[in-house]
Amino acid sequence: MVTRQLTERANQAPHPDPASAHERAWAAASAVCDPEIPVLTIADLGVLRDVQASGDRAVVTITPTYSGCPAMDAIRDDVILALTHAGFADVEVRTVLAPAWTTDWMSEAGKRKLERFGIAPPTGRRAAGPVRLGISVRCPHCGSLNTREVSHFGSTSCKALYECRACLEPFDHFKVH
């Protein structure tokens, strides 16, 4: 009897009000993980820019970390899947290149997650005018500032490969954009 009642409830389509449609769409989209850095959601990363929802339609706006980012197709597909699972029958994902993504859009929680994952998070803010030079990057493993850049490109183009001279561990550093 209980199983039949639960099955009947599960088969009944919910009738959300317009305000909850937006909340459900935002919750579903913001939970999508970045395929290259799975400890971060696209909301943590600042790639998720906007969500609009009404009835069973949702429109999600995303901005790539750089214009050639190969993860955008996977992110788009994951957003569509997440919103479909959240009950939206008509999902559109728009990729917007302007304004260009900046590390300023990353959440503080996202930066902490990067460090716990072994990637040095970006520090400071993007400079207006002359480009500031970083003196050192803190090792996410031991905290040492005795590090050196091994390669300007790490596991992805938005990261640089560093080596810690104290603990000898390599690590990625998320570049400031």
N, C-alpha and C. Protein backbone atom coordinates (compact mmCIF):
# COMPACT_ATOMS: atom_id res chain seq x y z
N MET A 1 0.82 -1.19 0.00
CA MET A 1 0.00 0.00 0.00
C MET A 1 0.87 1.27 0.00
N VAL A 2 1.87 1.31 0.89
CA VAL A 2 2.74 2.48 0.97
C VAL A 2 3.53 2.63 -0.32
N THR A 3 4.04 1.51 -0.87
CA THR A 3 4.80 1.56 -2.11
C THR A 3 3.95 2.11 -3.25
N ARG A 4 2.70 1.70 -3.34
CA ARG A 4 1.81 2.19 -4.39
C ARG A 4 1.58 3.70 -4.24
N GLN A 5 1.40 4.17 -3.00
CA GLN A 5 1.18 5.60 -2.77
C GLN A 5 2.42 6.40 -3.17
N LEU A 6 3.62 5.90 -2.82
CA LEU A 6 4.85 6.60 -3.19
C LEU A 6 5.02 6.62 -4.70
N THR A 7 4.70 5.52 -5.36
CA THR A 7 4.80 5.46 -6.82
C THR A 7 3.83 6.44 -7.47
N GLU A 8 2.61 6.51 -6.95
CA GLU A 8 1.63 7.45 -7.49
C GLU A 8 2.10 8.89 -7.32
N ARG A 9 2.67 9.21 -6.16
CA ARG A 9 3.18 10.57 -5.92
C ARG A 9 4.33 10.89 -6.86
N ALA A 10 5.22 9.91 -7.06
CA ALA A 10 6.37 10.14 -7.93
C ALA A 10 5.94 10.37 -9.37
N ASN A 11 4.84 9.73 -9.78
CA ASN A 11 4.36 9.88 -11.15
C ASN A 11 3.55 11.15 -11.37
N GLN A 12 3.16 11.82 -10.31
CA GLN A 12 2.40 13.06 -10.45
C GLN A 12 3.37 14.20 -10.75
N ALA A 13 3.10 14.95 -11.79
CA ALA A 13 3.97 16.08 -12.15
C ALA A 13 3.73 17.22 -11.18
N PRO A 14 4.78 17.82 -10.66
CA PRO A 14 4.60 18.97 -9.77
C PRO A 14 4.10 20.17 -10.56
N HIS A 15 3.42 21.06 -9.89
CA HIS A 15 2.93 22.29 -10.52
C HIS A 15 3.55 23.47 -9.79
N PRO A 16 4.84 23.76 -10.11
CA PRO A 16 5.53 24.82 -9.38
C PRO A 16 5.02 26.20 -9.76
N ASP A 17 5.10 27.13 -8.82
CA ASP A 17 4.75 28.50 -9.13
C ASP A 17 5.94 29.16 -9.83
N PRO A 18 5.76 30.32 -10.50
CA PRO A 18 6.85 30.93 -11.26
C PRO A 18 8.10 31.23 -10.44
N ALA A 19 7.94 31.67 -9.19
CA ALA A 19 9.12 31.97 -8.37
C ALA A 19 9.92 30.71 -8.10
N SER A 20 9.27 29.60 -7.83
CA SER A 20 10.01 28.39 -7.55
C SER A 20 10.66 27.82 -8.81
N ALA A 21 10.11 28.11 -9.99
CA ALA A 21 10.73 27.66 -11.24
C ALA A 21 12.12 28.26 -11.37
N HIS A 22 12.26 29.55 -11.08
CA HIS A 22 13.57 30.19 -11.13
C HIS A 22 14.51 29.59 -10.09
N GLU A 23 14.01 29.40 -8.88
CA GLU A 23 14.84 28.82 -7.81
C GLU A 23 15.31 27.42 -8.17
N ARG A 24 14.38 26.59 -8.72
CA ARG A 24 14.75 25.23 -9.12
C ARG A 24 15.77 25.25 -10.24
N ALA A 25 15.58 26.14 -11.21
CA ALA A 25 16.51 26.23 -12.35
C ALA A 25 17.89 26.68 -11.88
N TRP A 26 17.93 27.69 -11.02
CA TRP A 26 19.22 28.18 -10.51
C TRP A 26 19.91 27.09 -9.70
N ALA A 27 19.18 26.41 -8.84
CA ALA A 27 19.76 25.35 -8.02
C ALA A 27 20.33 24.24 -8.90
N ALA A 28 19.60 23.85 -9.93
CA ALA A 28 20.07 22.77 -10.81
C ALA A 28 21.31 23.20 -11.59
N ALA A 29 21.27 24.39 -12.19
CA ALA A 29 22.40 24.87 -12.99
C ALA A 29 23.64 25.12 -12.13
N SER A 30 23.44 25.71 -10.97
CA SER A 30 24.58 26.05 -10.12
C SER A 30 25.26 24.83 -9.51
N ALA A 31 24.61 23.68 -9.55
CA ALA A 31 25.20 22.45 -9.01
C ALA A 31 26.04 21.70 -10.04
N VAL A 32 26.02 22.15 -11.30
CA VAL A 32 26.80 21.49 -12.35
C VAL A 32 28.29 21.71 -12.08
N CYS A 33 29.06 20.63 -12.10
CA CYS A 33 30.50 20.71 -11.84
C CYS A 33 31.28 21.02 -13.12
N ASP A 34 32.38 21.71 -12.95
CA ASP A 34 33.29 21.97 -14.05
C ASP A 34 33.96 20.65 -14.43
N PRO A 35 33.94 20.23 -15.71
CA PRO A 35 34.51 18.93 -16.07
C PRO A 35 36.03 18.86 -15.92
N GLU A 36 36.71 19.99 -15.95
CA GLU A 36 38.17 19.99 -15.82
C GLU A 36 38.61 20.07 -14.36
N ILE A 37 37.80 20.69 -13.52
CA ILE A 37 38.11 20.83 -12.10
C ILE A 37 36.84 20.42 -11.34
N PRO A 38 36.62 19.13 -11.17
CA PRO A 38 35.34 18.65 -10.65
C PRO A 38 35.00 19.04 -9.21
N VAL A 39 35.93 19.64 -8.49
CA VAL A 39 35.58 20.11 -7.14
C VAL A 39 34.87 21.45 -7.18
N LEU A 40 34.87 22.10 -8.34
CA LEU A 40 34.21 23.39 -8.50
C LEU A 40 32.92 23.25 -9.29
N THR A 41 31.91 23.97 -8.87
CA THR A 41 30.70 24.07 -9.69
C THR A 41 30.91 25.24 -10.65
N ILE A 42 30.06 25.31 -11.66
CA ILE A 42 30.18 26.43 -12.59
C ILE A 42 29.79 27.74 -11.91
N ALA A 43 29.03 27.66 -10.82
CA ALA A 43 28.73 28.87 -10.03
C ALA A 43 29.97 29.30 -9.25
N ASP A 44 30.69 28.34 -8.63
CA ASP A 44 31.94 28.64 -7.92
C ASP A 44 32.93 29.32 -8.85
N LEU A 45 33.00 28.81 -10.06
CA LEU A 45 33.96 29.30 -11.04
C LEU A 45 33.57 30.66 -11.62
N GLY A 46 32.29 31.01 -11.53
CA GLY A 46 31.82 32.27 -12.09
C GLY A 46 31.44 32.15 -13.55
N VAL A 47 31.38 30.93 -14.07
CA VAL A 47 30.99 30.69 -15.46
C VAL A 47 29.47 30.84 -15.62
N LEU A 48 28.72 30.50 -14.59
CA LEU A 48 27.26 30.64 -14.62
C LEU A 48 26.92 32.11 -14.41
N ARG A 49 26.35 32.74 -15.43
CA ARG A 49 26.09 34.18 -15.38
C ARG A 49 24.64 34.53 -15.09
N ASP A 50 23.69 33.74 -15.63
CA ASP A 50 22.29 34.10 -15.45
C ASP A 50 21.42 32.88 -15.69
N VAL A 51 20.28 32.84 -15.01
CA VAL A 51 19.28 31.80 -15.20
C VAL A 51 17.91 32.46 -15.21
N GLN A 52 17.15 32.19 -16.25
CA GLN A 52 15.77 32.65 -16.34
C GLN A 52 14.90 31.41 -16.50
N ALA A 53 13.76 31.39 -15.81
CA ALA A 53 12.87 30.23 -15.91
C ALA A 53 11.43 30.65 -15.76
N SER A 54 10.59 29.98 -16.53
CA SER A 54 9.15 30.19 -16.45
C SER A 54 8.48 28.92 -16.94
N GLY A 55 7.60 28.40 -16.12
CA GLY A 55 6.92 27.16 -16.49
C GLY A 55 7.92 26.04 -16.66
N ASP A 56 7.91 25.41 -17.85
CA ASP A 56 8.85 24.31 -18.08
C ASP A 56 10.00 24.73 -19.00
N ARG A 57 10.20 26.06 -19.17
CA ARG A 57 11.30 26.58 -20.00
C ARG A 57 12.34 27.26 -19.12
N ALA A 58 13.62 27.00 -19.43
CA ALA A 58 14.72 27.64 -18.72
C ALA A 58 15.77 28.08 -19.73
N VAL A 59 16.33 29.27 -19.49
CA VAL A 59 17.40 29.81 -20.32
C VAL A 59 18.57 30.10 -19.38
N VAL A 60 19.70 29.49 -19.68
CA VAL A 60 20.89 29.63 -18.84
C VAL A 60 21.98 30.32 -19.66
N THR A 61 22.64 31.31 -19.06
CA THR A 61 23.72 32.02 -19.71
C THR A 61 25.03 31.66 -19.03
N ILE A 62 26.02 31.24 -19.84
CA ILE A 62 27.34 30.90 -19.32
C ILE A 62 28.39 31.67 -20.10
N THR A 63 29.54 31.90 -19.46
CA THR A 63 30.67 32.58 -20.08
C THR A 63 31.90 31.71 -19.89
N PRO A 64 32.61 31.38 -20.97
CA PRO A 64 33.80 30.53 -20.82
C PRO A 64 34.93 31.26 -20.11
N THR A 65 35.82 30.49 -19.49
CA THR A 65 36.97 31.10 -18.83
C THR A 65 37.92 31.72 -19.85
N TYR A 66 37.90 31.21 -21.07
CA TYR A 66 38.58 31.86 -22.19
C TYR A 66 37.88 31.40 -23.47
N SER A 67 38.02 32.13 -24.55
CA SER A 67 37.19 31.91 -25.73
C SER A 67 37.37 30.55 -26.38
N GLY A 68 38.48 29.88 -26.19
CA GLY A 68 38.69 28.57 -26.78
C GLY A 68 38.51 27.42 -25.80
N CYS A 69 37.86 27.66 -24.68
CA CYS A 69 37.74 26.65 -23.63
C CYS A 69 37.03 25.39 -24.15
N PRO A 70 37.72 24.24 -24.15
CA PRO A 70 37.12 23.02 -24.68
C PRO A 70 36.05 22.42 -23.76
N ALA A 71 35.95 22.89 -22.54
CA ALA A 71 34.97 22.34 -21.60
C ALA A 71 33.56 22.87 -21.81
N MET A 72 33.39 23.90 -22.63
CA MET A 72 32.08 24.53 -22.76
C MET A 72 31.02 23.60 -23.33
N ASP A 73 31.37 22.74 -24.26
CA ASP A 73 30.38 21.79 -24.79
C ASP A 73 29.91 20.84 -23.70
N ALA A 74 30.83 20.34 -22.90
CA ALA A 74 30.47 19.44 -21.81
C ALA A 74 29.63 20.17 -20.76
N ILE A 75 29.99 21.41 -20.45
CA ILE A 75 29.22 22.20 -19.49
C ILE A 75 27.81 22.42 -20.01
N ARG A 76 27.69 22.80 -21.28
CA ARG A 76 26.36 23.00 -21.87
C ARG A 76 25.51 21.73 -21.75
N ASP A 77 26.09 20.59 -22.13
CA ASP A 77 25.36 19.33 -22.07
C ASP A 77 24.96 18.98 -20.64
N ASP A 78 25.87 19.23 -19.68
CA ASP A 78 25.57 18.93 -18.27
C ASP A 78 24.48 19.84 -17.72
N VAL A 79 24.48 21.11 -18.14
CA VAL A 79 23.43 22.05 -17.71
C VAL A 79 22.08 21.60 -18.26
N ILE A 80 22.04 21.23 -19.52
CA ILE A 80 20.78 20.75 -20.12
C ILE A 80 20.29 19.52 -19.38
N LEU A 81 21.18 18.59 -19.10
CA LEU A 81 20.80 17.37 -18.38
C LEU A 81 20.29 17.68 -16.97
N ALA A 82 20.99 18.56 -16.27
CA ALA A 82 20.59 18.91 -14.90
C ALA A 82 19.21 19.58 -14.88
N LEU A 83 18.98 20.48 -15.82
CA LEU A 83 17.69 21.17 -15.84
C LEU A 83 16.56 20.26 -16.32
N THR A 84 16.87 19.35 -17.21
CA THR A 84 15.88 18.36 -17.64
C THR A 84 15.47 17.49 -16.46
N HIS A 85 16.46 17.06 -15.68
CA HIS A 85 16.18 16.26 -14.48
C HIS A 85 15.40 17.06 -13.44
N ALA A 86 15.56 18.39 -13.46
CA ALA A 86 14.83 19.25 -12.52
C ALA A 86 13.41 19.55 -13.00
N GLY A 87 13.02 18.99 -14.14
CA GLY A 87 11.65 19.13 -14.61
C GLY A 87 11.42 20.13 -15.72
N PHE A 88 12.49 20.65 -16.32
CA PHE A 88 12.33 21.62 -17.40
C PHE A 88 12.39 20.88 -18.74
N ALA A 89 11.33 21.00 -19.52
CA ALA A 89 11.26 20.31 -20.80
C ALA A 89 11.97 21.06 -21.91
N ASP A 90 12.05 22.38 -21.79
CA ASP A 90 12.64 23.23 -22.82
C ASP A 90 13.80 24.00 -22.19
N VAL A 91 15.03 23.61 -22.52
CA VAL A 91 16.22 24.23 -21.92
C VAL A 91 17.10 24.80 -23.03
N GLU A 92 17.47 26.05 -22.86
CA GLU A 92 18.38 26.72 -23.79
C GLU A 92 19.59 27.19 -23.00
N VAL A 93 20.78 26.92 -23.53
CA VAL A 93 22.01 27.39 -22.91
C VAL A 93 22.67 28.36 -23.88
N ARG A 94 22.87 29.58 -23.42
CA ARG A 94 23.50 30.62 -24.23
C ARG A 94 24.93 30.83 -23.75
N THR A 95 25.86 30.86 -24.69
CA THR A 95 27.25 31.16 -24.37
C THR A 95 27.52 32.60 -24.74
N VAL A 96 27.95 33.39 -23.78
CA VAL A 96 28.19 34.82 -23.98
C VAL A 96 29.67 35.10 -23.74
N LEU A 97 30.30 35.78 -24.69
CA LEU A 97 31.74 36.05 -24.59
C LEU A 97 32.05 37.43 -24.00
N ALA A 98 31.07 38.31 -23.97
CA ALA A 98 31.31 39.66 -23.45
C ALA A 98 30.27 39.98 -22.38
N PRO A 99 30.70 40.48 -21.25
CA PRO A 99 32.09 40.76 -20.92
C PRO A 99 32.88 39.46 -20.74
N ALA A 100 34.18 39.54 -20.98
CA ALA A 100 35.05 38.37 -20.85
C ALA A 100 35.11 37.93 -19.39
N TRP A 101 35.20 36.62 -19.19
CA TRP A 101 35.30 36.05 -17.84
C TRP A 101 36.56 36.55 -17.16
N THR A 102 36.49 36.73 -15.87
CA THR A 102 37.63 37.14 -15.07
C THR A 102 37.65 36.32 -13.78
N THR A 103 38.82 36.11 -13.24
CA THR A 103 38.92 35.39 -11.97
C THR A 103 38.24 36.14 -10.84
N ASP A 104 37.94 37.41 -11.05
CA ASP A 104 37.18 38.18 -10.05
C ASP A 104 35.80 37.57 -9.83
N TRP A 105 35.30 36.83 -10.81
CA TRP A 105 33.97 36.23 -10.72
C TRP A 105 33.96 34.94 -9.90
N MET A 106 35.13 34.40 -9.59
CA MET A 106 35.20 33.18 -8.78
C MET A 106 34.76 33.48 -7.36
N SER A 107 34.02 32.55 -6.77
CA SER A 107 33.58 32.74 -5.39
C SER A 107 34.75 32.46 -4.43
N GLU A 108 34.68 33.04 -3.25
CA GLU A 108 35.71 32.76 -2.24
C GLU A 108 35.68 31.29 -1.86
N ALA A 109 34.48 30.70 -1.79
CA ALA A 109 34.36 29.27 -1.50
C ALA A 109 35.04 28.46 -2.60
N GLY A 110 34.89 28.88 -3.84
CA GLY A 110 35.54 28.20 -4.96
C GLY A 110 37.06 28.27 -4.86
N LYS A 111 37.58 29.41 -4.45
CA LYS A 111 39.03 29.55 -4.29
C LYS A 111 39.54 28.63 -3.18
N ARG A 112 38.78 28.51 -2.11
CA ARG A 112 39.17 27.58 -1.02
C ARG A 112 39.13 26.14 -1.50
N LYS A 113 38.13 25.79 -2.31
CA LYS A 113 38.04 24.43 -2.86
C LYS A 113 39.24 24.13 -3.75
N LEU A 114 39.65 25.11 -4.57
CA LEU A 114 40.82 24.92 -5.43
C LEU A 114 42.04 24.59 -4.59
N GLU A 115 42.27 25.35 -3.54
CA GLU A 115 43.44 25.12 -2.70
C GLU A 115 43.41 23.75 -2.05
N ARG A 116 42.24 23.33 -1.54
CA ARG A 116 42.12 22.00 -0.94
C ARG A 116 42.34 20.90 -1.98
N PHE A 117 42.05 21.20 -3.24
CA PHE A 117 42.21 20.24 -4.33
C PHE A 117 43.66 20.18 -4.81
N GLY A 118 44.49 21.12 -4.36
CA GLY A 118 45.89 21.14 -4.76
C GLY A 118 46.21 22.09 -5.90
N ILE A 119 45.30 23.04 -6.17
CA ILE A 119 45.52 24.06 -7.19
C ILE A 119 45.59 25.41 -6.49
N ALA A 120 46.68 26.14 -6.75
CA ALA A 120 46.82 27.46 -6.14
C ALA A 120 45.78 28.39 -6.75
N PRO A 121 44.91 28.98 -5.93
CA PRO A 121 43.88 29.87 -6.47
C PRO A 121 44.47 31.21 -6.91
N PRO A 122 43.74 31.92 -7.77
CA PRO A 122 44.21 33.24 -8.16
C PRO A 122 44.18 34.17 -6.94
N THR A 123 45.08 35.10 -6.93
CA THR A 123 45.11 36.07 -5.83
C THR A 123 44.97 37.46 -6.40
N GLY A 124 44.48 38.36 -5.60
CA GLY A 124 44.35 39.75 -6.05
C GLY A 124 43.23 39.91 -7.05
N ARG A 125 43.25 41.02 -7.69
CA ARG A 125 42.26 41.38 -8.70
C ARG A 125 42.97 41.66 -10.01
N ARG A 126 42.22 41.56 -11.10
CA ARG A 126 42.77 41.87 -12.41
C ARG A 126 43.15 43.35 -12.41
N ALA A 127 44.32 43.63 -12.91
CA ALA A 127 44.83 45.00 -12.91
C ALA A 127 44.23 45.79 -14.07
N ALA A 128 43.94 47.05 -13.80
CA ALA A 128 43.55 47.97 -14.86
C ALA A 128 44.80 48.78 -15.16
N GLY A 129 45.17 48.83 -16.40
CA GLY A 129 46.39 49.54 -16.76
C GLY A 129 47.57 48.59 -16.84
N PRO A 130 48.73 48.99 -16.32
CA PRO A 130 49.92 48.14 -16.41
C PRO A 130 49.69 46.79 -15.73
N VAL A 131 50.31 45.76 -16.27
CA VAL A 131 50.18 44.42 -15.72
C VAL A 131 51.11 44.27 -14.52
N ARG A 132 50.54 43.83 -13.39
CA ARG A 132 51.35 43.60 -12.20
C ARG A 132 52.06 42.26 -12.33
N LEU A 133 53.26 42.19 -11.83
CA LEU A 133 54.00 40.94 -11.84
C LEU A 133 53.90 40.30 -10.46
N GLY A 134 53.59 39.02 -10.43
CA GLY A 134 53.54 38.30 -9.17
C GLY A 134 54.93 37.91 -8.74
N ILE A 135 55.23 38.06 -7.47
CA ILE A 135 56.54 37.71 -6.96
C ILE A 135 56.62 36.21 -6.69
N SER A 136 55.55 35.65 -6.12
CA SER A 136 55.55 34.22 -5.84
C SER A 136 54.12 33.72 -5.72
N VAL A 137 53.99 32.42 -5.84
CA VAL A 137 52.70 31.75 -5.70
C VAL A 137 52.82 30.78 -4.54
N ARG A 138 51.87 30.84 -3.61
CA ARG A 138 51.90 29.98 -2.43
C ARG A 138 51.56 28.54 -2.81
N CYS A 139 52.37 27.59 -2.33
CA CYS A 139 52.14 26.18 -2.59
C CYS A 139 50.88 25.73 -1.84
N PRO A 140 49.92 25.10 -2.54
CA PRO A 140 48.70 24.66 -1.87
C PRO A 140 48.93 23.42 -0.99
N HIS A 141 50.09 22.77 -1.12
CA HIS A 141 50.39 21.58 -0.34
C HIS A 141 51.02 21.90 1.01
N CYS A 142 52.06 22.76 0.99
CA CYS A 142 52.78 23.05 2.24
C CYS A 142 52.72 24.52 2.65
N GLY A 143 52.23 25.39 1.78
CA GLY A 143 52.10 26.81 2.10
C GLY A 143 53.34 27.64 1.82
N SER A 144 54.40 27.03 1.32
CA SER A 144 55.64 27.76 1.06
C SER A 144 55.47 28.74 -0.10
N LEU A 145 56.20 29.85 -0.03
CA LEU A 145 56.25 30.81 -1.13
C LEU A 145 57.47 30.56 -2.02
N ASN A 146 58.26 29.56 -1.68
CA ASN A 146 59.45 29.21 -2.45
C ASN A 146 59.02 28.31 -3.61
N THR A 147 58.44 28.92 -4.64
CA THR A 147 57.91 28.19 -5.79
C THR A 147 58.45 28.81 -7.08
N ARG A 148 58.33 28.05 -8.15
CA ARG A 148 58.73 28.57 -9.45
C ARG A 148 57.78 28.07 -10.52
N GLU A 149 57.58 28.89 -11.55
CA GLU A 149 56.75 28.50 -12.68
C GLU A 149 57.56 27.58 -13.58
N VAL A 150 57.03 26.39 -13.83
CA VAL A 150 57.68 25.42 -14.71
C VAL A 150 57.22 25.64 -16.14
N SER A 151 55.91 25.88 -16.30
CA SER A 151 55.33 26.09 -17.62
C SER A 151 54.19 27.08 -17.50
N HIS A 152 54.08 27.99 -18.44
CA HIS A 152 53.00 28.98 -18.40
C HIS A 152 51.64 28.32 -18.57
N PHE A 153 51.63 27.09 -19.13
CA PHE A 153 50.38 26.35 -19.28
C PHE A 153 50.46 25.06 -18.48
N GLY A 154 49.43 24.83 -17.65
CA GLY A 154 49.37 23.62 -16.84
C GLY A 154 48.47 22.60 -17.50
N SER A 155 47.66 21.92 -16.68
CA SER A 155 46.78 20.87 -17.21
C SER A 155 45.71 21.43 -18.13
N THR A 156 45.41 22.72 -18.01
CA THR A 156 44.51 23.40 -18.94
C THR A 156 45.12 24.78 -19.22
N SER A 157 44.64 25.44 -20.25
CA SER A 157 45.22 26.73 -20.63
C SER A 157 44.99 27.82 -19.60
N CYS A 158 43.99 27.66 -18.74
CA CYS A 158 43.73 28.70 -17.74
C CYS A 158 44.55 28.51 -16.47
N LYS A 159 45.45 27.53 -16.48
CA LYS A 159 46.31 27.29 -15.32
C LYS A 159 47.76 27.23 -15.77
N ALA A 160 48.68 27.57 -14.86
CA ALA A 160 50.11 27.45 -15.10
C ALA A 160 50.65 26.35 -14.19
N LEU A 161 51.71 25.67 -14.63
CA LEU A 161 52.31 24.61 -13.84
C LEU A 161 53.44 25.18 -13.00
N TYR A 162 53.37 24.93 -11.71
CA TYR A 162 54.39 25.40 -10.77
C TYR A 162 55.01 24.21 -10.05
N GLU A 163 56.17 24.47 -9.44
CA GLU A 163 56.84 23.49 -8.60
C GLU A 163 57.20 24.16 -7.29
N CYS A 164 56.98 23.47 -6.19
CA CYS A 164 57.37 23.99 -4.89
C CYS A 164 58.78 23.51 -4.61
N ARG A 165 59.64 24.45 -4.29
CA ARG A 165 61.03 24.10 -3.98
C ARG A 165 61.17 23.58 -2.56
N ALA A 166 60.17 23.80 -1.71
CA ALA A 166 60.24 23.32 -0.32
C ALA A 166 59.81 21.86 -0.22
N CYS A 167 58.62 21.52 -0.74
CA CYS A 167 58.12 20.14 -0.63
C CYS A 167 58.33 19.35 -1.92
N LEU A 168 58.80 20.02 -2.98
CA LEU A 168 59.10 19.42 -4.28
C LEU A 168 57.87 18.90 -5.04
N GLU A 169 56.67 19.30 -4.61
CA GLU A 169 55.44 18.88 -5.28
C GLU A 169 55.10 19.83 -6.42
N PRO A 170 54.70 19.29 -7.57
CA PRO A 170 54.18 20.15 -8.64
C PRO A 170 52.73 20.51 -8.33
N PHE A 171 52.27 21.64 -8.85
CA PHE A 171 50.88 22.03 -8.68
C PHE A 171 50.48 23.02 -9.76
N ASP A 172 49.17 23.05 -10.04
CA ASP A 172 48.62 24.02 -10.97
C ASP A 172 48.31 25.31 -10.22
N HIS A 173 48.45 26.43 -10.90
CA HIS A 173 48.06 27.73 -10.37
C HIS A 173 47.05 28.32 -11.33
N PHE A 174 45.87 28.66 -10.81
CA PHE A 174 44.83 29.27 -11.63
C PHE A 174 45.26 30.70 -11.94
N LYS A 175 45.45 31.02 -13.22
CA LYS A 175 45.94 32.34 -13.61
C LYS A 175 44.90 33.42 -13.33
N VAL A 176 45.37 34.59 -12.98
CA VAL A 176 44.51 35.74 -12.81
C VAL A 176 44.22 36.31 -14.19
N HIS A 177 42.92 36.42 -14.52
CA HIS A 177 42.51 36.95 -15.82
C HIS A 177 41.83 38.27 -15.60
